[in-house]
Amino acid sequence: MSVNTIVLSATDLGLAALLVLLLALTSWRMRLGLGGQIVIAAIRTTLQLGW
């Protein structure tokens, strides 16, 4: 079985970060209380994928 690596550019990562930020802001605006959890999950995912 071969492993395929997906190469992401800085633009791709910036777009993903922007979408996560918009999701967190939408959650905050709707008073869902998920904004902090979304940001923490995004940071954890970034750290796990970076190692």
N, C-alpha and C. Protein backbone atom coordinates (compact mmCIF):
# COMPACT_ATOMS: atom_id res chain seq x y z
N MET A 1 0.84 -1.16 0.00
CA MET A 1 0.00 0.00 0.00
C MET A 1 0.89 1.24 0.00
N SER A 2 0.61 2.17 -0.90
CA SER A 2 1.41 3.39 -0.96
C SER A 2 0.68 4.53 -0.24
N VAL A 3 1.47 5.45 0.27
CA VAL A 3 0.93 6.60 0.97
C VAL A 3 1.08 7.82 0.08
N ASN A 4 -0.01 8.50 -0.19
CA ASN A 4 0.03 9.71 -1.00
C ASN A 4 0.02 10.92 -0.08
N THR A 5 0.92 11.85 -0.34
CA THR A 5 1.01 13.07 0.45
C THR A 5 0.33 14.21 -0.31
N ILE A 6 -0.50 14.95 0.39
CA ILE A 6 -1.14 16.11 -0.21
C ILE A 6 -0.31 17.34 0.20
N VAL A 7 0.18 18.04 -0.79
CA VAL A 7 1.01 19.22 -0.54
C VAL A 7 0.09 20.44 -0.50
N LEU A 8 0.18 21.19 0.60
CA LEU A 8 -0.63 22.40 0.76
C LEU A 8 0.26 23.63 0.72
N SER A 9 -0.19 24.61 0.00
CA SER A 9 0.55 25.87 -0.07
C SER A 9 0.13 26.76 1.09
N ALA A 10 0.84 27.87 1.24
CA ALA A 10 0.50 28.84 2.28
C ALA A 10 -0.90 29.41 2.04
N THR A 11 -1.26 29.56 0.78
CA THR A 11 -2.60 30.05 0.44
C THR A 11 -3.67 29.07 0.89
N ASP A 12 -3.43 27.78 0.67
CA ASP A 12 -4.38 26.75 1.11
C ASP A 12 -4.56 26.78 2.62
N LEU A 13 -3.46 26.89 3.35
CA LEU A 13 -3.53 26.93 4.81
C LEU A 13 -4.21 28.21 5.30
N GLY A 14 -3.93 29.31 4.64
CA GLY A 14 -4.57 30.57 5.00
C GLY A 14 -6.07 30.54 4.78
N LEU A 15 -6.48 29.94 3.67
CA LEU A 15 -7.91 29.81 3.37
C LEU A 15 -8.60 28.92 4.40
N ALA A 16 -7.96 27.83 4.76
CA ALA A 16 -8.52 26.94 5.78
C ALA A 16 -8.66 27.67 7.12
N ALA A 17 -7.64 28.44 7.49
CA ALA A 17 -7.69 29.19 8.74
C ALA A 17 -8.80 30.23 8.71
N LEU A 18 -8.97 30.88 7.57
CA LEU A 18 -10.03 31.87 7.42
C LEU A 18 -11.41 31.22 7.57
N LEU A 19 -11.59 30.05 6.98
CA LEU A 19 -12.88 29.36 7.09
C LEU A 19 -13.16 28.94 8.53
N VAL A 20 -12.15 28.48 9.24
CA VAL A 20 -12.33 28.12 10.65
C VAL A 20 -12.69 29.36 11.46
N LEU A 21 -12.02 30.47 11.18
CA LEU A 21 -12.32 31.71 11.88
C LEU A 21 -13.75 32.16 11.61
N LEU A 22 -14.18 32.08 10.36
CA LEU A 22 -15.56 32.45 10.03
C LEU A 22 -16.57 31.55 10.74
N LEU A 23 -16.26 30.28 10.83
CA LEU A 23 -17.13 29.35 11.54
C LEU A 23 -17.21 29.70 13.02
N ALA A 24 -16.08 30.02 13.63
CA ALA A 24 -16.06 30.39 15.05
C ALA A 24 -16.83 31.69 15.27
N LEU A 25 -16.65 32.67 14.38
CA LEU A 25 -17.38 33.93 14.51
C LEU A 25 -18.88 33.74 14.32
N THR A 26 -19.27 32.88 13.40
CA THR A 26 -20.69 32.58 13.20
C THR A 26 -21.27 31.93 14.45
N SER A 27 -20.53 31.01 15.02
CA SER A 27 -20.97 30.36 16.25
C SER A 27 -21.14 31.38 17.37
N TRP A 28 -20.16 32.29 17.49
CA TRP A 28 -20.25 33.32 18.52
C TRP A 28 -21.45 34.25 18.28
N ARG A 29 -21.65 34.62 17.03
CA ARG A 29 -22.75 35.53 16.67
C ARG A 29 -24.11 34.90 16.98
N MET A 30 -24.22 33.60 16.76
CA MET A 30 -25.48 32.89 17.01
C MET A 30 -25.59 32.44 18.47
N ARG A 31 -24.57 32.77 19.27
CA ARG A 31 -24.53 32.44 20.69
C ARG A 31 -24.68 30.94 20.94
N LEU A 32 -23.96 30.16 20.13
CA LEU A 32 -23.99 28.70 20.27
C LEU A 32 -23.00 28.20 21.31
N GLY A 33 -22.02 29.02 21.64
CA GLY A 33 -21.04 28.63 22.64
C GLY A 33 -20.01 27.63 22.14
N LEU A 34 -19.82 27.57 20.83
CA LEU A 34 -18.88 26.60 20.26
C LEU A 34 -17.60 27.23 19.74
N GLY A 35 -17.53 28.54 19.76
CA GLY A 35 -16.38 29.24 19.18
C GLY A 35 -15.05 28.80 19.76
N GLY A 36 -14.96 28.73 21.09
CA GLY A 36 -13.72 28.32 21.74
C GLY A 36 -13.36 26.89 21.41
N GLN A 37 -14.34 26.01 21.39
CA GLN A 37 -14.08 24.61 21.07
C GLN A 37 -13.61 24.45 19.63
N ILE A 38 -14.17 25.25 18.73
CA ILE A 38 -13.78 25.18 17.32
C ILE A 38 -12.32 25.62 17.16
N VAL A 39 -11.96 26.70 17.82
CA VAL A 39 -10.57 27.21 17.73
C VAL A 39 -9.60 26.21 18.33
N ILE A 40 -9.93 25.65 19.49
CA ILE A 40 -9.05 24.66 20.12
C ILE A 40 -8.90 23.43 19.23
N ALA A 41 -9.99 22.97 18.64
CA ALA A 41 -9.93 21.81 17.75
C ALA A 41 -9.06 22.10 16.53
N ALA A 42 -9.16 23.31 15.99
CA ALA A 42 -8.34 23.68 14.83
C ALA A 42 -6.86 23.72 15.19
N ILE A 43 -6.55 24.25 16.37
CA ILE A 43 -5.15 24.30 16.81
C ILE A 43 -4.61 22.89 17.03
N ARG A 44 -5.39 22.04 17.68
CA ARG A 44 -4.95 20.66 17.92
C ARG A 44 -4.73 19.91 16.61
N THR A 45 -5.63 20.11 15.66
CA THR A 45 -5.50 19.46 14.36
C THR A 45 -4.24 19.92 13.65
N THR A 46 -3.99 21.23 13.68
CA THR A 46 -2.80 21.79 13.04
C THR A 46 -1.53 21.21 13.65
N LEU A 47 -1.50 21.14 14.98
CA LEU A 47 -0.31 20.60 15.65
C LEU A 47 -0.11 19.12 15.34
N GLN A 48 -1.18 18.35 15.30
CA GLN A 48 -1.07 16.93 15.01
C GLN A 48 -0.60 16.68 13.58
N LEU A 49 -1.10 17.47 12.65
CA LEU A 49 -0.71 17.29 11.25
C LEU A 49 0.70 17.81 10.99
N GLY A 50 1.13 18.76 11.82
CA GLY A 50 2.47 19.32 11.64
C GLY A 50 3.58 18.42 12.12
N TRP A 51 3.29 17.46 12.97
CA TRP A 51 4.33 16.60 13.52
C TRP A 51 4.44 15.39 12.72
